[in-house]
Amino acid sequence: MKILLILNDAPYGTEKAYNALRLAMALQKEQPETEVLVFLMADAATCAIPNQATPQGYYNLERMVKAVIHKGGQVKACGTCLDARGLKAIPLIEGVEASNMPQLAQWTLAADKVLTF
């Protein structure tokens, strides 16, 4: 099975990105053969910025993104969204790629399930 998670919300301030990545990690744990795809759009593109420093005991989305990638998930960030936020030239978390709408369209058409956050 192929599951696509589309994130739109900022990494911190609400828990949408956190919950989406928690679900991605749970899917990978419960059914390792499931292909997990994560597309970061709008303010969620900032989830792909490396060197996030969060208070002790607080969730860290960089670590969560890395965990999804480590378990074989794919994570892409909207290049237009990165550019609009002045982030196009900033290196992303290792394993995250800048992408585009045609890639999201391909992933959506190929996915068995699409979830949005």
Protein backbone atom coordinates (compact mmCIF):
# COMPACT_ATOMS: atom_id res chain seq x y z
CA MET A 1 0.00 0.00 0.00
CA LYS A 2 1.13 3.56 -0.72
CA ILE A 3 0.01 6.36 1.61
CA LEU A 4 0.56 10.05 0.88
CA LEU A 5 0.44 12.60 3.69
CA ILE A 6 0.17 16.24 2.61
CA LEU A 7 1.12 18.76 5.30
CA ASN A 8 0.16 22.43 5.02
CA ASP A 9 0.55 23.82 8.53
CA ALA A 10 3.56 25.38 10.25
CA PRO A 11 5.83 23.01 12.16
CA TYR A 12 5.23 24.63 15.53
CA GLY A 13 2.28 26.56 16.92
CA THR A 14 -0.27 23.89 16.10
CA GLU A 15 0.21 20.14 16.27
CA LYS A 16 -0.91 19.27 12.73
CA ALA A 17 2.59 18.64 11.37
CA TYR A 18 3.51 16.79 14.57
CA ASN A 19 0.45 14.55 14.33
CA ALA A 20 0.98 13.89 10.63
CA LEU A 21 4.56 12.76 11.24
CA ARG A 22 3.48 10.71 14.26
CA LEU A 23 1.01 8.93 11.98
CA ALA A 24 3.67 8.43 9.30
CA MET A 25 5.97 6.82 11.87
CA ALA A 26 3.14 4.65 13.25
CA LEU A 27 2.26 3.44 9.75
CA GLN A 28 5.88 2.49 9.15
CA LYS A 29 6.02 0.62 12.45
CA GLU A 30 2.68 -1.21 12.10
CA GLN A 31 3.12 -2.19 8.48
CA PRO A 32 6.74 -1.81 7.35
CA GLU A 33 5.91 -2.74 3.76
CA THR A 34 3.67 0.33 3.43
CA GLU A 35 5.23 3.06 1.29
CA VAL A 36 4.93 6.36 3.14
CA LEU A 37 5.20 9.60 1.17
CA VAL A 38 5.18 13.02 2.83
CA PHE A 39 4.75 16.26 0.88
CA LEU A 40 5.37 19.54 2.72
CA MET A 41 3.44 22.53 1.37
CA ALA A 42 2.77 26.13 2.43
CA ASP A 43 4.14 26.77 5.94
CA ALA A 44 4.81 23.04 6.40
CA ALA A 45 7.75 23.46 4.00
CA THR A 46 9.60 24.93 6.99
CA CYS A 47 9.51 21.48 8.60
CA ALA A 48 12.41 20.67 6.25
CA ILE A 49 14.80 23.23 7.74
CA PRO A 50 17.74 21.58 9.52
CA ASN A 51 19.21 22.39 12.95
CA GLN A 52 15.91 22.88 14.73
CA ALA A 53 16.44 23.63 18.43
CA THR A 54 13.46 22.86 20.62
CA PRO A 55 13.20 22.92 24.41
CA GLN A 56 14.05 19.73 26.30
CA GLY A 57 11.03 17.42 26.35
CA TYR A 58 9.33 19.19 23.40
CA TYR A 59 8.83 17.40 20.11
CA ASN A 60 11.32 18.13 17.34
CA LEU A 61 10.05 17.83 13.79
CA GLU A 62 13.52 17.57 12.31
CA ARG A 63 14.10 14.35 14.28
CA MET A 64 10.67 13.09 13.21
CA VAL A 65 11.31 13.83 9.51
CA LYS A 66 14.65 12.04 9.77
CA ALA A 67 12.96 9.03 11.40
CA VAL A 68 10.44 8.76 8.56
CA ILE A 69 13.26 8.93 5.99
CA HIS A 70 15.38 6.42 7.96
CA LYS A 71 12.52 3.90 7.77
CA GLY A 72 12.32 4.27 3.97
CA GLY A 73 9.76 7.06 3.68
CA GLN A 74 10.12 9.80 1.11
CA VAL A 75 9.78 13.45 2.09
CA LYS A 76 9.58 16.30 -0.42
CA ALA A 77 9.00 20.01 0.09
CA CYS A 78 7.22 22.28 -2.37
CA GLY A 79 9.87 24.35 -4.14
CA THR A 80 7.45 27.21 -4.80
CA CYS A 81 6.52 27.27 -1.11
CA LEU A 82 10.19 27.27 -0.09
CA ASP A 83 10.89 30.10 -2.53
CA ALA A 84 7.94 32.17 -1.29
CA ARG A 85 9.38 31.95 2.25
CA GLY A 86 12.92 32.86 1.19
CA LEU A 87 14.15 29.32 1.82
CA LYS A 88 14.99 28.10 -1.68
CA ALA A 89 18.76 28.49 -1.18
CA ILE A 90 18.85 27.05 2.34
CA PRO A 91 19.97 23.42 2.59
CA LEU A 92 17.17 21.08 3.68
CA ILE A 93 17.27 18.20 6.14
CA GLU A 94 19.33 15.42 4.60
CA GLY A 95 17.03 13.21 2.56
CA VAL A 96 14.38 15.88 1.94
CA GLU A 97 14.15 17.13 -1.63
CA ALA A 98 12.69 20.34 -3.02
CA SER A 99 9.92 19.33 -5.39
CA ASN A 100 7.00 20.67 -7.40
CA MET A 101 3.31 20.34 -8.17
CA PRO A 102 3.78 17.77 -10.98
CA GLN A 103 5.53 15.48 -8.45
CA LEU A 104 2.68 15.93 -5.98
CA ALA A 105 0.20 15.15 -8.76
CA GLN A 106 2.10 11.94 -9.61
CA TRP A 107 2.25 10.89 -5.96
CA THR A 108 -1.46 11.61 -5.52
CA LEU A 109 -2.45 9.56 -8.56
CA ALA A 110 -0.25 6.65 -7.46
CA ALA A 111 -1.33 6.66 -3.79
CA ASP A 112 -3.87 4.24 -2.38
CA LYS A 113 -4.73 6.77 0.33
CA VAL A 114 -4.16 10.52 0.62
CA LEU A 115 -4.34 12.26 3.99
CA THR A 116 -4.10 16.01 4.50
CA PHE A 117 -3.05 17.91 7.58
